[in-house]
Amino acid sequence: MTYDEALRHFGTQERLGAALGLKQPAISAWGKVLPTHYQYQLEIITAGALRVDESLRGPRNSIEQEQRA
């Protein structure tokens, strides 16, 4: 899933963050590709309404995200 798909589903960064137990600034830091582990969590949380897209693999964790910066 893309960031835009997840945001459309939840409506706001705040609601998207709440679903994942995160605050809004963490969501806004993602850019256009969600970290992969959050994609998997959102697929479960939304009962498949949002699906992981392996071609859009984002960083797996915050360390990997920092290494890409």
C-alpha atoms as a PDB file:
ATOM      1  CA  MET A   1       0.000   0.000   0.000  1.00  0.00           C
ATOM      2  CA  THR A   2       1.075   3.534  -0.500  1.00  0.00           C
ATOM      3  CA  TYR A   3       1.032   6.250   2.110  1.00  0.00           C
ATOM      4  CA  ASP A   4      -1.816   7.921   0.215  1.00  0.00           C
ATOM      5  CA  GLU A   5      -3.920   4.731   0.287  1.00  0.00           C
ATOM      6  CA  ALA A   6      -3.446   4.371   4.038  1.00  0.00           C
ATOM      7  CA  LEU A   7      -4.195   8.037   4.618  1.00  0.00           C
ATOM      8  CA  ARG A   8      -7.356   7.844   2.477  1.00  0.00           C
ATOM      9  CA  HIS A   9      -8.525   4.844   4.475  1.00  0.00           C
ATOM     10  CA  PHE A  10      -8.039   6.497   7.876  1.00  0.00           C
ATOM     11  CA  GLY A  11      -8.772  10.086   6.855  1.00  0.00           C
ATOM     12  CA  THR A  12      -6.069  11.866   8.862  1.00  0.00           C
ATOM     13  CA  GLN A  13      -2.495  11.290   9.957  1.00  0.00           C
ATOM     14  CA  GLU A  14      -3.744  11.344  13.550  1.00  0.00           C
ATOM     15  CA  ARG A  15      -6.188   8.457  12.961  1.00  0.00           C
ATOM     16  CA  LEU A  16      -3.610   6.494  10.984  1.00  0.00           C
ATOM     17  CA  GLY A  17      -1.130   6.966  13.803  1.00  0.00           C
ATOM     18  CA  ALA A  18      -3.687   6.014  16.446  1.00  0.00           C
ATOM     19  CA  ALA A  19      -4.363   2.728  14.629  1.00  0.00           C
ATOM     20  CA  LEU A  20      -0.652   1.924  14.883  1.00  0.00           C
ATOM     21  CA  GLY A  21      -0.015   3.418  18.317  1.00  0.00           C
ATOM     22  CA  LEU A  22       2.043   6.269  16.850  1.00  0.00           C
ATOM     23  CA  LYS A  23       1.851  10.041  17.060  1.00  0.00           C
ATOM     24  CA  GLN A  24       1.254  12.252  14.023  1.00  0.00           C
ATOM     25  CA  PRO A  25       4.888  13.451  13.647  1.00  0.00           C
ATOM     26  CA  ALA A  26       6.021   9.837  13.148  1.00  0.00           C
ATOM     27  CA  ILE A  27       3.475   9.414  10.355  1.00  0.00           C
ATOM     28  CA  SER A  28       4.471  12.632   8.585  1.00  0.00           C
ATOM     29  CA  ALA A  29       8.135  11.525   8.603  1.00  0.00           C
ATOM     30  CA  TRP A  30       7.409   8.474   6.428  1.00  0.00           C
ATOM     31  CA  GLY A  31       7.212  10.187   3.063  1.00  0.00           C
ATOM     32  CA  LYS A  32       5.346   8.302   0.351  1.00  0.00           C
ATOM     33  CA  VAL A  33       6.332   4.736   1.291  1.00  0.00           C
ATOM     34  CA  LEU A  34       5.188   3.189   4.552  1.00  0.00           C
ATOM     35  CA  PRO A  35       7.735   1.111   6.469  1.00  0.00           C
ATOM     36  CA  THR A  36       7.104  -2.519   5.580  1.00  0.00           C
ATOM     37  CA  HIS A  37       6.285  -3.698   9.095  1.00  0.00           C
ATOM     38  CA  TYR A  38       3.567  -1.043   9.353  1.00  0.00           C
ATOM     39  CA  GLN A  39       2.115  -2.171   6.019  1.00  0.00           C
ATOM     40  CA  TYR A  40       1.713  -5.672   7.476  1.00  0.00           C
ATOM     41  CA  GLN A  41       0.135  -4.292  10.649  1.00  0.00           C
ATOM     42  CA  LEU A  42      -2.313  -2.184   8.651  1.00  0.00           C
ATOM     43  CA  GLU A  43      -3.303  -5.160   6.506  1.00  0.00           C
ATOM     44  CA  ILE A  44      -4.259  -7.000   9.694  1.00  0.00           C
ATOM     45  CA  ILE A  45      -5.898  -3.979  11.373  1.00  0.00           C
ATOM     46  CA  THR A  46      -8.036  -3.270   8.301  1.00  0.00           C
ATOM     47  CA  ALA A  47      -8.914  -6.957   7.744  1.00  0.00           C
ATOM     48  CA  GLY A  48      -7.347  -6.814   4.284  1.00  0.00           C
ATOM     49  CA  ALA A  49      -8.914  -3.557   3.123  1.00  0.00           C
ATOM     50  CA  LEU A  50      -5.332  -2.288   2.818  1.00  0.00           C
ATOM     51  CA  ARG A  51      -2.852  -4.782   1.366  1.00  0.00           C
ATOM     52  CA  VAL A  52       0.922  -5.006   1.556  1.00  0.00           C
ATOM     53  CA  ASP A  53       2.507  -4.278  -1.799  1.00  0.00           C
ATOM     54  CA  GLU A  54       5.918  -5.956  -1.921  1.00  0.00           C
ATOM     55  CA  SER A  55       6.946  -3.721  -4.828  1.00  0.00           C
ATOM     56  CA  LEU A  56       6.617  -0.725  -2.485  1.00  0.00           C
ATOM     57  CA  ARG A  57       8.893  -1.994   0.232  1.00  0.00           C
ATOM     58  CA  GLY A  58       9.738   0.734   2.680  1.00  0.00           C
ATOM     59  CA  PRO A  59      12.316   0.559   5.436  1.00  0.00           C
ATOM     60  CA  ARG A  60      11.716  -2.301   7.880  1.00  0.00           C
ATOM     61  CA  ASN A  61      12.570  -0.283  10.958  1.00  0.00           C
ATOM     62  CA  SER A  62      13.762   3.107  12.127  1.00  0.00           C
ATOM     63  CA  ILE A  63      17.447   2.124  11.949  1.00  0.00           C
ATOM     64  CA  GLU A  64      17.126   1.137   8.297  1.00  0.00           C
ATOM     65  CA  GLN A  65      15.200   4.347   7.625  1.00  0.00           C
ATOM     66  CA  GLU A  66      18.029   6.428   9.152  1.00  0.00           C
ATOM     67  CA  GLN A  67      20.610   4.541   7.093  1.00  0.00           C
ATOM     68  CA  ARG A  68      18.760   5.468   3.891  1.00  0.00           C
ATOM     69  CA  ALA A  69      18.745   9.176   4.762  1.00  0.00           C
END
